[in-house]
Protein backbone atom coordinates (compact mmCIF):
# COMPACT_ATOMS: atom_id res chain seq x y z
CA MET A 1 101.87 83.13 5.23
CA ALA A 2 104.47 85.74 5.96
CA GLU A 3 105.39 86.21 9.58
CA ASN A 4 104.67 89.92 9.39
CA VAL A 5 100.99 89.50 8.67
CA LYS A 6 98.55 90.58 11.34
CA GLN A 7 97.76 87.50 13.29
CA PHE A 8 96.47 86.66 16.68
CA HIS A 9 98.81 88.78 18.63
CA CYS A 10 100.61 87.91 21.51
CA VAL A 11 103.31 89.21 22.27
CA TRP A 12 102.06 89.17 19.90
CA PRO A 13 99.56 90.24 17.35
CA TYR A 14 99.42 90.33 15.67
CA GLY A 15 98.39 88.09 20.14
CA LEU A 16 98.60 84.43 20.04
CA LYS A 17 102.02 82.94 20.33
CA GLY A 18 102.05 80.56 17.44
CA LEU A 19 102.23 80.23 13.71
CA VAL A 20 99.78 80.55 10.89
CA LEU A 21 100.25 78.75 7.63
CA THR A 22 98.36 78.80 4.39
CA ALA A 23 97.13 75.99 2.27
CA ALA A 24 95.76 76.32 -1.22
CA ALA A 25 92.53 74.68 -0.21
CA LEU A 26 91.22 77.54 1.93
CA PHE A 27 90.77 81.09 0.75
CA PHE A 28 91.55 82.70 4.10
CA PHE A 29 92.57 86.26 4.34
CA PHE A 30 93.62 86.10 8.01
CA PHE A 31 94.74 89.09 9.96
CA LEU A 32 95.27 87.01 13.01
CA VAL A 33 96.86 90.62 14.77
CA ALA A 34 97.93 90.65 17.38
CA CYS A 35 100.56 88.30 18.57
CA ALA A 36 101.26 85.64 16.12
CA ALA A 37 103.13 85.57 12.90
CA LEU A 38 103.18 89.31 12.76
CA LEU A 39 105.50 89.82 15.62
CA ASN A 40 108.94 88.53 16.20
CA TRP A 41 107.85 87.45 19.63
CA VAL A 42 105.15 85.23 18.31
CA ASP A 43 105.59 81.52 18.16
CA ILE A 44 102.13 80.50 16.88
CA PRO A 45 102.44 78.56 13.71
CA LEU A 46 99.76 79.75 11.36
CA ILE A 47 99.53 78.46 7.86
CA ARG A 48 97.53 80.49 5.51
CA GLY A 49 97.24 82.06 2.13
CA THR A 50 96.05 85.63 1.85
CA ALA A 51 97.06 89.00 3.20
CA PHE A 52 96.18 92.70 3.69
CA GLY A 53 95.53 96.25 2.04
CA GLN A 54 95.53 100.26 1.86
CA ALA A 55 93.49 103.48 2.66
CA THR A 56 93.44 106.51 4.94
CA PHE A 57 90.83 106.61 7.70
CA THR A 58 88.84 109.79 7.37
CA SER A 59 85.24 110.74 7.84
CA PRO A 60 83.93 112.32 4.60
CA SER A 61 81.14 114.36 6.15
CA SER A 62 82.52 115.01 9.62
CA ASN A 63 81.26 118.24 11.11
CA ILE A 64 80.75 120.02 14.37
CA HIS A 65 77.95 122.55 14.61
CA GLY A 66 77.24 121.95 10.92
CA GLU A 67 80.73 122.78 9.71
CA ARG A 68 83.17 120.17 8.54
CA ILE A 69 86.36 120.08 10.60
CA ILE A 70 89.67 119.17 8.98
CA TYR A 71 92.62 118.52 11.27
CA PRO A 72 95.74 120.16 9.86
CA LEU A 73 99.26 118.74 10.10
CA ASN A 74 101.68 121.58 9.42
CA CYS A 75 105.09 120.73 10.82
CA SER A 76 106.48 124.19 10.12
CA ASP A 77 103.80 125.66 12.39
CA TYR A 78 104.84 123.21 15.09
CA VAL A 79 108.51 124.22 14.84
CA ASN A 80 107.67 127.93 14.79
CA SER A 81 105.49 127.58 17.89
CA ALA A 82 108.43 126.35 19.99
CA GLN A 83 107.24 122.78 19.44
CA LYS A 84 104.09 123.16 21.51
CA CYS A 85 100.99 121.07 21.02
CA PRO A 86 98.08 123.17 19.72
CA ASP A 87 95.03 123.76 21.92
CA ASN A 88 92.57 124.60 19.15
CA TYR A 89 91.23 121.11 18.43
CA PRO A 90 87.45 120.71 18.85
CA SER A 91 86.29 119.44 22.22
CA VAL A 92 82.67 118.82 21.26
CA PHE A 93 81.44 115.79 19.33
CA GLU A 94 78.18 116.20 17.43
CA PRO A 95 77.87 113.57 14.69
CA GLY A 96 75.46 113.93 11.82
CA GLU A 97 73.95 110.50 12.46
CA SER A 98 72.15 110.01 15.77
CA THR A 99 71.79 106.21 15.68
CA SER A 100 74.46 103.54 15.97
CA GLU A 101 74.62 99.82 15.32
CA SER A 102 75.59 97.13 17.79
CA CYS A 103 79.31 96.36 18.12
CA PRO A 104 80.72 92.99 16.99
CA ASP A 105 80.48 90.10 19.42
CA TYR A 106 84.13 90.23 20.52
CA PHE A 107 83.47 93.58 22.22
CA ARG A 108 81.80 91.58 24.99
CA TRP A 109 85.26 90.55 26.19
CA ILE A 110 85.85 94.13 27.34
CA HIS A 111 83.65 93.41 30.35
CA GLN A 112 85.49 90.17 31.07
CA ASP A 113 88.94 91.78 30.87
CA LEU A 114 87.90 94.49 33.35
CA LYS A 115 86.06 92.13 35.69
CA PRO A 116 88.95 91.82 38.23
CA TRP A 117 88.25 95.45 39.23
CA GLU A 118 84.45 95.28 39.01
CA THR A 119 84.03 95.34 42.79
CA SER A 120 87.13 97.11 44.07
CA GLY A 121 87.47 99.70 41.36
CA ILE A 122 90.92 100.96 40.37
CA THR A 123 92.88 103.10 42.81
CA LYS A 124 95.98 105.15 42.22
CA GLU A 125 97.88 102.79 44.52
CA MET A 126 97.05 99.86 42.21
CA ILE A 127 98.48 101.74 39.25
CA GLU A 128 101.61 102.67 41.18
CA ARG A 129 102.13 98.98 42.03
CA GLY A 130 101.94 98.11 38.34
CA ILE A 131 104.72 100.47 37.24
CA PRO A 132 107.53 97.86 37.50
CA GLY A 133 105.72 95.76 34.89
CA ALA A 134 104.95 98.63 32.50
CA ASP A 135 106.89 100.48 29.82
CA ASN A 136 104.76 103.61 29.72
CA ARG A 137 102.17 105.50 31.71
CA LEU A 138 99.59 107.41 29.71
CA VAL A 139 97.33 110.01 31.27
CA ILE A 140 94.49 111.88 29.57
CA VAL A 141 93.34 115.11 31.21
CA ASN A 142 90.81 117.40 29.53
CA GLY A 143 91.38 115.75 26.18
CA SER A 144 95.18 116.16 26.24
CA VAL A 145 97.57 113.21 26.39
CA TYR A 146 100.59 113.00 28.68
CA LEU A 147 103.20 110.26 28.54
CA GLU A 148 105.78 109.06 31.04
CA LYS A 149 108.27 106.50 29.71
CA TYR A 150 109.81 103.98 32.10
CA ARG A 151 111.87 101.94 29.63
CA PRO A 152 112.40 101.71 25.87
CA SER A 153 110.07 99.53 23.84
CA PHE A 154 111.18 97.21 21.07
CA GLN A 155 111.40 99.21 17.84
CA THR A 156 108.38 101.55 17.53
CA ARG A 157 105.72 99.52 19.36
CA ASP A 158 104.98 102.18 21.94
CA LEU A 159 105.27 105.03 19.44
CA PHE A 160 102.55 103.70 17.14
CA THR A 161 100.34 102.54 20.00
CA ILE A 162 100.31 106.06 21.44
CA TRP A 163 99.74 107.42 17.95
CA GLY A 164 96.65 105.22 17.68
CA ILE A 165 95.25 106.60 20.94
CA LEU A 166 95.81 110.14 19.68
CA GLN A 167 93.85 109.30 16.53
CA LEU A 168 91.00 107.98 18.65
CA LEU A 169 90.79 111.35 20.40
CA ARG A 170 90.66 113.07 17.01
CA LEU A 171 87.92 110.71 15.81
CA TYR A 172 85.70 111.24 18.88
CA PRO A 173 86.73 114.64 20.29
CA GLY A 174 85.62 115.29 23.84
CA LYS A 175 84.29 111.74 24.31
CA ILE A 176 87.29 110.09 25.98
CA PRO A 177 87.21 110.81 29.73
CA ASP A 178 90.17 111.60 31.95
CA LEU A 179 92.09 108.42 32.70
CA ASP A 180 95.40 107.03 33.93
CA LEU A 181 96.72 103.76 32.50
CA LEU A 182 99.85 101.61 32.24
CA LEU A 183 101.02 100.06 28.96
CA PHE A 184 103.33 97.09 28.49
CA THR A 185 104.68 96.49 24.98
CA GLY A 186 106.75 93.33 25.51
CA ASP A 187 106.25 89.76 24.43
CA THR A 188 104.96 87.95 27.49
CA THR A 189 102.06 88.53 29.85
CA VAL A 190 102.92 90.42 33.05
CA VAL A 191 99.98 90.32 35.50
CA MET A 192 99.62 86.69 36.56
CA LYS A 193 96.47 85.40 38.24
CA ARG A 194 98.40 83.18 40.65
CA ASP A 195 99.95 86.26 42.28
CA TYR A 196 96.55 87.65 43.26
CA GLU A 197 94.72 84.58 44.56
CA GLY A 198 94.01 83.52 48.12
CA PRO A 199 92.41 85.10 51.20
CA ASN A 200 95.19 87.67 51.71
CA ALA A 201 95.67 88.60 48.05
CA THR A 202 95.69 92.24 46.97
CA SER A 203 93.87 93.54 43.91
CA PRO A 204 95.95 93.20 40.73
CA PRO A 205 97.42 96.26 39.02
CA PRO A 206 95.70 97.13 35.72
CA VAL A 207 98.17 96.87 32.82
CA PHE A 208 97.20 97.24 29.16
CA HIS A 209 98.91 94.82 26.79
CA TYR A 210 98.54 93.35 23.32
CA CYS A 211 97.81 89.79 24.38
CA GLY A 212 96.71 87.54 27.20
CA ASP A 213 96.49 83.90 28.18
CA LYS A 214 94.48 81.77 30.59
CA GLY A 215 96.90 82.47 33.45
CA SER A 216 97.09 86.25 33.17
CA LEU A 217 95.03 89.38 33.86
CA ASP A 218 96.54 91.69 31.24
CA ILE A 219 93.95 94.03 29.68
CA MET A 220 93.69 93.43 25.93
CA PHE A 221 94.44 96.42 23.68
CA PRO A 222 94.96 96.66 19.89
CA ASP A 223 98.63 96.41 18.98
CA TRP A 224 100.72 99.03 17.19
CA THR A 225 100.60 97.42 13.74
CA PHE A 226 97.14 98.83 13.06
CA TRP A 227 98.93 102.15 12.50
CA GLY A 228 102.10 100.75 10.95
CA TRP A 229 105.29 98.82 11.59
CA PRO A 230 107.99 100.65 9.62
CA GLU A 231 110.85 98.35 10.64
CA VAL A 232 109.39 95.53 8.52
CA ASN A 233 107.45 97.72 6.06
CA ILE A 234 103.99 96.79 7.34
CA ARG A 235 101.78 99.72 6.39
CA PRO A 236 98.77 100.92 8.39
CA TRP A 237 95.94 98.40 8.51
CA GLU A 238 93.67 100.06 5.99
CA GLN A 239 96.49 100.42 3.45
CA THR A 240 97.62 96.86 4.08
CA LEU A 241 94.11 95.48 3.77
CA ARG A 242 93.52 97.19 0.45
CA ALA A 243 96.82 95.98 -1.00
CA ILE A 244 96.15 92.40 0.03
CA LYS A 245 92.65 92.42 -1.39
CA GLU A 246 94.15 93.59 -4.68
CA GLY A 247 96.87 90.95 -4.45
CA GLU A 248 94.46 88.10 -3.88
CA GLU A 249 92.59 89.01 -7.06
CA ARG A 250 95.66 88.27 -9.18
CA ILE A 251 95.17 84.53 -8.96
CA LYS A 252 91.92 82.57 -8.85
CA TRP A 253 91.20 80.54 -5.75
CA GLU A 254 91.02 77.32 -7.79
CA GLU A 255 94.50 77.95 -9.22
CA ARG A 256 96.35 78.46 -5.94
CA GLU A 257 99.12 76.12 -4.88
CA PRO A 258 97.97 72.91 -3.12
CA TYR A 259 100.37 73.17 -0.20
CA ALA A 260 100.53 74.76 3.22
CA TYR A 261 102.88 77.77 3.32
CA TRP A 262 104.73 79.81 5.92
CA ARG A 263 107.50 82.39 5.69
CA GLY A 264 109.20 83.96 8.69
CA ASN A 265 112.11 84.05 11.10
CA PRO A 266 112.16 80.65 12.85
CA SER A 267 114.91 81.48 15.34
CA VAL A 268 112.67 83.52 17.66
CA ALA A 269 110.36 80.73 18.82
CA ALA A 270 110.52 76.99 19.47
CA ASP A 271 107.26 76.36 17.56
CA ARG A 272 108.79 77.91 14.47
CA VAL A 273 111.94 75.82 14.70
CA ASP A 274 109.75 72.75 15.13
CA LEU A 275 107.78 73.73 12.04
CA LEU A 276 110.93 73.48 9.90
CA LYS A 277 110.79 69.70 10.38
CA CYS A 278 107.63 69.66 8.26
CA ASN A 279 109.36 70.95 5.16
CA ARG A 280 109.60 68.64 2.16
CA SER A 281 112.50 66.17 2.31
CA ASP A 282 113.63 62.96 0.61
CA GLU A 283 111.89 60.98 3.35
CA ASN A 284 108.66 62.92 3.79
CA GLU A 285 106.15 65.03 1.89
CA TRP A 286 104.02 66.79 4.50
CA ASN A 287 102.36 69.10 1.94
CA VAL A 288 103.96 72.19 3.46
CA ARG A 289 106.51 74.71 2.17
CA VAL A 290 108.35 76.64 4.89
CA TYR A 291 110.72 79.50 4.05
CA THR A 292 113.20 81.22 6.36
CA GLN A 293 113.05 85.01 6.21
CA ASP A 294 116.36 86.82 6.68
CA TRP A 295 115.12 90.24 7.77
CA SER A 296 118.53 91.91 7.64
CA LYS A 297 118.88 90.88 4.01
CA GLU A 298 115.27 91.77 3.27
CA ILE A 299 115.66 95.27 4.71
CA GLY A 300 118.74 95.78 2.55
CA GLN A 301 116.78 94.76 -0.53
CA GLY A 302 113.93 97.13 0.18
CA PHE A 303 111.50 94.40 1.33
CA ARG A 304 111.40 92.99 -2.18
CA ASN A 305 110.44 89.47 -1.09
CA SER A 306 108.19 90.17 1.90
CA LYS A 307 105.29 92.17 0.52
CA LEU A 308 102.13 90.62 1.86
CA GLU A 309 100.13 91.37 -1.26
CA ASP A 310 102.53 89.24 -3.32
CA GLN A 311 101.95 86.13 -1.20
CA CYS A 312 98.36 85.35 -2.08
CA THR A 313 99.24 82.17 -3.96
CA HIS A 314 98.00 79.85 -1.22
CA SER A 315 94.61 79.96 0.46
CA MET A 316 93.75 77.76 3.41
CA THR A 317 94.36 79.14 6.88
CA LEU A 318 95.67 76.61 9.34
CA MET A 319 96.27 77.82 12.88
CA ILE A 320 98.56 75.96 15.23
CA LYS A 321 96.92 76.03 18.65
CA PRO A 322 97.99 79.30 20.28
CA VAL A 323 98.98 79.93 23.87
CA TYR A 324 97.97 83.57 23.70
CA TYR A 325 94.97 85.52 22.43
CA ASP A 326 94.40 89.13 21.53
CA PHE A 327 91.38 91.42 21.72
CA PHE A 328 89.48 90.02 18.73
CA SER A 329 90.59 86.40 18.44
CA ARG A 330 88.58 84.88 21.29
CA SER A 331 85.38 85.00 19.25
CA MET A 332 86.83 83.10 16.29
CA MET A 333 85.77 79.48 15.82
CA PRO A 334 87.67 76.51 14.37
CA MET A 335 86.19 75.18 11.10
CA GLN A 336 84.30 78.44 10.74
CA HIS A 337 87.22 80.87 10.50
CA PHE A 338 90.28 78.57 10.44
CA TRP A 339 91.49 74.95 10.54
CA PRO A 340 92.98 73.91 13.92
CA ILE A 341 96.46 72.34 14.12
CA ARG A 342 97.93 70.76 17.27
CA ASN A 343 101.24 71.96 18.69
CA ASN A 344 102.63 68.48 19.25
CA ASN A 345 101.53 66.96 15.96
CA LYS A 346 102.23 69.68 13.42
CA CYS A 347 103.45 67.74 10.39
CA ARG A 348 100.79 65.03 10.41
CA ASP A 349 98.01 67.54 11.17
CA ILE A 350 99.14 69.82 8.35
CA LYS A 351 99.35 67.01 5.82
CA PHE A 352 95.82 65.89 6.64
CA ALA A 353 94.46 69.46 6.58
CA VAL A 354 95.86 70.04 3.10
CA GLU A 355 94.57 66.68 1.84
CA TRP A 356 91.13 67.43 3.30
CA GLY A 357 91.01 70.90 1.78
CA ASN A 358 92.11 69.71 -1.65
CA ASN A 359 89.39 67.04 -1.59
CA HIS A 360 86.65 69.21 -0.09
CA THR A 361 87.16 72.41 -2.05
CA ARG A 362 83.65 73.79 -1.55
CA GLU A 363 83.72 73.36 2.22
CA ALA A 364 87.24 74.73 2.39
CA GLN A 365 86.27 77.80 0.42
CA VAL A 366 83.35 78.48 2.76
CA ILE A 367 85.73 78.48 5.74
CA GLY A 368 88.12 80.71 3.84
CA LYS A 369 85.43 83.22 2.96
CA GLU A 370 84.15 83.36 6.53
CA GLY A 371 87.66 84.01 7.77
CA SER A 372 88.14 86.74 5.18
CA LYS A 373 84.83 88.33 6.11
CA TYR A 374 85.78 88.37 9.77
CA ILE A 375 89.01 90.18 9.03
CA GLU A 376 87.73 92.55 6.37
CA GLU A 377 84.47 93.55 8.06
CA ILE A 378 84.49 92.61 11.73
CA LEU A 379 88.04 93.86 12.16
CA ALA A 380 87.63 96.98 10.03
CA MET A 381 89.49 100.02 11.33
CA ARG A 382 86.27 101.65 12.46
CA ASN A 383 85.65 98.70 14.78
CA VAL A 384 89.22 98.84 16.09
CA TYR A 385 88.67 102.46 17.09
CA ASP A 386 85.28 101.70 18.60
CA TYR A 387 86.79 98.86 20.63
CA MET A 388 89.37 101.30 22.01
CA PHE A 389 86.63 103.85 22.67
CA HIS A 390 84.51 101.47 24.75
CA LEU A 391 87.45 99.87 26.53
CA LEU A 392 88.84 103.23 27.67
CA ASN A 393 85.41 104.51 28.69
CA GLU A 394 84.60 101.37 30.70
CA TYR A 395 88.07 101.49 32.27
CA ALA A 396 87.64 105.15 33.24
CA LYS A 397 84.37 104.28 35.04
CA LEU A 398 86.39 102.05 37.39
CA LEU A 399 88.85 104.76 38.47
CA ARG A 400 88.43 105.76 42.11
CA PHE A 401 90.57 108.89 41.85
CA LYS A 402 90.84 111.96 39.65
CA PRO A 403 93.70 111.54 37.15
CA THR A 404 96.43 114.16 37.37
CA ILE A 405 99.49 114.78 35.22
CA PRO A 406 102.56 112.92 36.58
CA PRO A 407 105.50 115.27 37.32
CA LYS A 408 107.77 113.58 34.76
CA ALA A 409 105.16 113.15 32.02
CA GLN A 410 105.42 115.02 28.73
CA ARG A 411 102.48 116.15 26.65
CA VAL A 412 102.18 114.43 23.28
CA CYS A 413 99.98 115.20 20.29
CA ALA A 414 99.82 114.34 16.60
CA LYS A 415 102.18 117.17 15.71
CA SER A 416 104.73 116.39 18.41
CA MET A 417 104.95 112.80 17.15
CA ALA A 418 104.67 113.17 13.38
CA CYS A 419 106.80 116.32 13.23
CA SER A 420 109.56 115.11 15.56
CA LYS A 421 113.06 115.29 14.08
CA SER A 422 113.71 111.73 15.24
CA ASN A 423 110.64 110.50 13.36
CA LYS A 424 111.49 110.37 9.68
CA ASP A 425 111.20 108.23 6.58
CA LEU A 426 108.60 105.46 6.96
CA GLY A 427 107.72 106.40 10.54
CA LYS A 428 106.37 109.81 9.56
CA GLU A 429 104.91 108.45 6.32
CA PHE A 430 102.90 105.79 8.14
CA MET A 431 101.66 108.32 10.69
CA VAL A 432 100.43 110.60 7.94
CA GLN A 433 98.75 107.66 6.18
CA SER A 434 96.97 106.50 9.34
CA MET A 435 96.07 109.96 10.63
CA VAL A 436 92.39 110.68 11.36
CA LYS A 437 91.70 113.83 9.38
CA SER A 438 88.23 114.68 10.67
CA PRO A 439 85.91 113.88 13.57
CA SER A 440 83.55 110.99 12.96
CA ASP A 441 80.23 111.64 11.27
CA LYS A 442 78.48 108.99 13.38
CA LEU A 443 78.38 107.61 16.89
CA PRO A 444 80.48 104.63 17.98
CA CYS A 445 78.74 101.26 17.80
CA THR A 446 76.70 100.26 20.86
CA LEU A 447 78.58 98.12 23.38
CA PRO A 448 76.85 94.75 23.89
CA PRO A 449 76.38 93.33 27.40
CA PRO A 450 78.94 90.96 28.96
CA TYR A 451 78.89 87.24 28.35
CA GLU A 452 77.16 85.14 30.95
CA PRO A 453 79.54 82.57 32.49
CA GLU A 454 77.46 79.80 30.92
CA ALA A 455 77.94 81.32 27.48
CA ILE A 456 81.72 81.43 27.87
CA ARG A 457 81.73 77.82 29.05
CA ALA A 458 79.54 76.76 26.14
CA SER A 459 81.79 78.51 23.64
CA LEU A 460 84.91 76.82 25.00
CA GLU A 461 83.18 73.45 24.97
CA GLU A 462 82.04 73.97 21.39
CA LYS A 463 85.57 74.84 20.27
CA GLU A 464 86.89 71.73 21.99
CA LYS A 465 84.17 69.57 20.43
CA ILE A 466 84.93 70.82 16.92
CA THR A 467 88.66 70.35 17.40
CA LYS A 468 88.13 66.78 18.65
CA GLN A 469 86.01 66.04 15.58
CA VAL A 470 88.85 67.18 13.32
CA GLU A 471 91.25 64.95 15.25
CA THR A 472 88.88 61.99 14.77
CA TRP A 473 88.77 62.60 11.01
CA GLU A 474 92.54 62.70 10.95
CA ALA A 475 92.92 59.48 12.93
CA GLU A 476 90.66 57.72 10.42
CA TYR A 477 92.68 59.20 7.53
CA TRP A 478 96.00 57.91 8.87
CA GLU A 479 94.53 54.53 9.71
CA LYS A 480 93.34 54.07 6.11
CA LEU A 481 96.62 55.36 4.72
CA ASN A 482 98.66 52.98 6.86
CA LYS A 483 96.51 50.01 5.74
CA LYS A 484 97.14 50.89 2.10
CA GLN A 485 100.87 51.02 2.69
C-alpha cells in the first residue's frame, strides 16, 4: 500500500500512527484516513492492496423554496469586487426530503470526544488557554467564517481543512450555529489527560485535531485529505475513491500477488524503518515487499509511480497495531475489516498473515470485502460531511458564551480561498473538484445516542479477544513449522 493512501490518521490520517500493508490474500480497499500511511507523520505500518477514486460532490436536486440553487465560482467577480466575500448565499435550508436515516455507528464517538465538557460546558477562557497548542482559530458568526492564524501548518493541511468546513456550510446553509474553535494540524496529540487530572485540575481546553490516543483529549475531526493533498497528488476523496475502484477492476482478486506490500517514506517513523527488516533477503522470505518512496524524485516525475489506482495488485489489508486513532477508525474490528499485526513482531506476524490468507482465500476475501464496504459506503463523503455537521452542532451546544469575531481574524469564503493568487495549479484544481455546488436535497443523517460505558468496554474486550486468537493461531503455525525444520 502506498503511504499516501487514506489510512487511520494520526497525525495522521489518514489518524493512527502506523503502517498498513497489503497482501494478495485479502481484497481490502482500505482508506484507513486519517493518520497512518497517508501522512508523513504517520508511523503505522499498514499492509494492504487496494486504493481510492473520483467524483464531485453535488446535490442533483438541491433547492430552496422550490428553486434549485447553484453556487457560482467566478474569480473575476471576486477580483472586481475588491476581493470581498459575497453575502448573497442562501441562509435557509429546506431539503426536498423530510426524513433521514440513522448515522453510521462511529458517529457515537462524537459524544465521547465531547464528554470532558459535558458538565462544565466550554467557556471563552478555556479556548484562550488552548491557543498555545493550536495553529488556527476558526469562528463562525451568522453563517460567515473568520480565521485567525497563529502559526503556519505543514504544507496545505489547514488550507484544505478550512475549505472542507466552508463546503459544509454550503451543503447545509443556515444549519451550522455560531461557534468558536481551535484547530491543531500537527502530528502529535496536544491536550493530554494527565495535565487535567486531580482535585485541583482545571477543565481542558477544547482543541480539534485529526487524531487521538488513549492519553489525550483532542477532539477528532476529518483531516484535510478528504478535499485534496496537492503536494503528493492525492485528489479529493470522491475522485480518489472512483479512480481506485476502477484500478482494482483491472486485475482479478484471484490473480493478485501473494505477498504483503508497502510503499512509502520510511525515514519519518521508527515503525517504518523497522518494517524494512521484513523485506526479502538471502536469509529470510517474510512474504512482504517493501519499497522506499523518494518523494522529491516522484514529484519531479509527475507522480508517475505513486498513483494509488495503479497499486491494486495486492489485496489483503494488514494493520500494524496503531498508537493513534481518527474519527472513524474506532468502530473497525480486527478480522472483520483488517488483519491485526503486532508492533514488536512485524516480520513473523506478516509472514503468517500472508500464509493464512493464501490458504484461506474465501475467508480472506470476506474480510477484504467488508473492509472495502466500510470505506466505500460507511466513509462516503456524505457521511464525512454529516459527521462534521453533528460534531460542530454538539460542540456549539456546549459553548457558554456568544462567539464574536476576534480582532485579528480575517473572513474567508470559497472565493477568497479558491481565487487567491497564491492558490494555483493543483491547489485550485482540487478545490474546484471538491466544491459543493448546491445545498443538499435531504437532511443530515440522525445522530445516534452515545455508547454506554459497558458497550465501550465490551468492544475493547472483543477486539483484544480476536487479536489474541490470531496470535494463538500464529504460535501454532510457527511451532509446526519449526518441527518440520
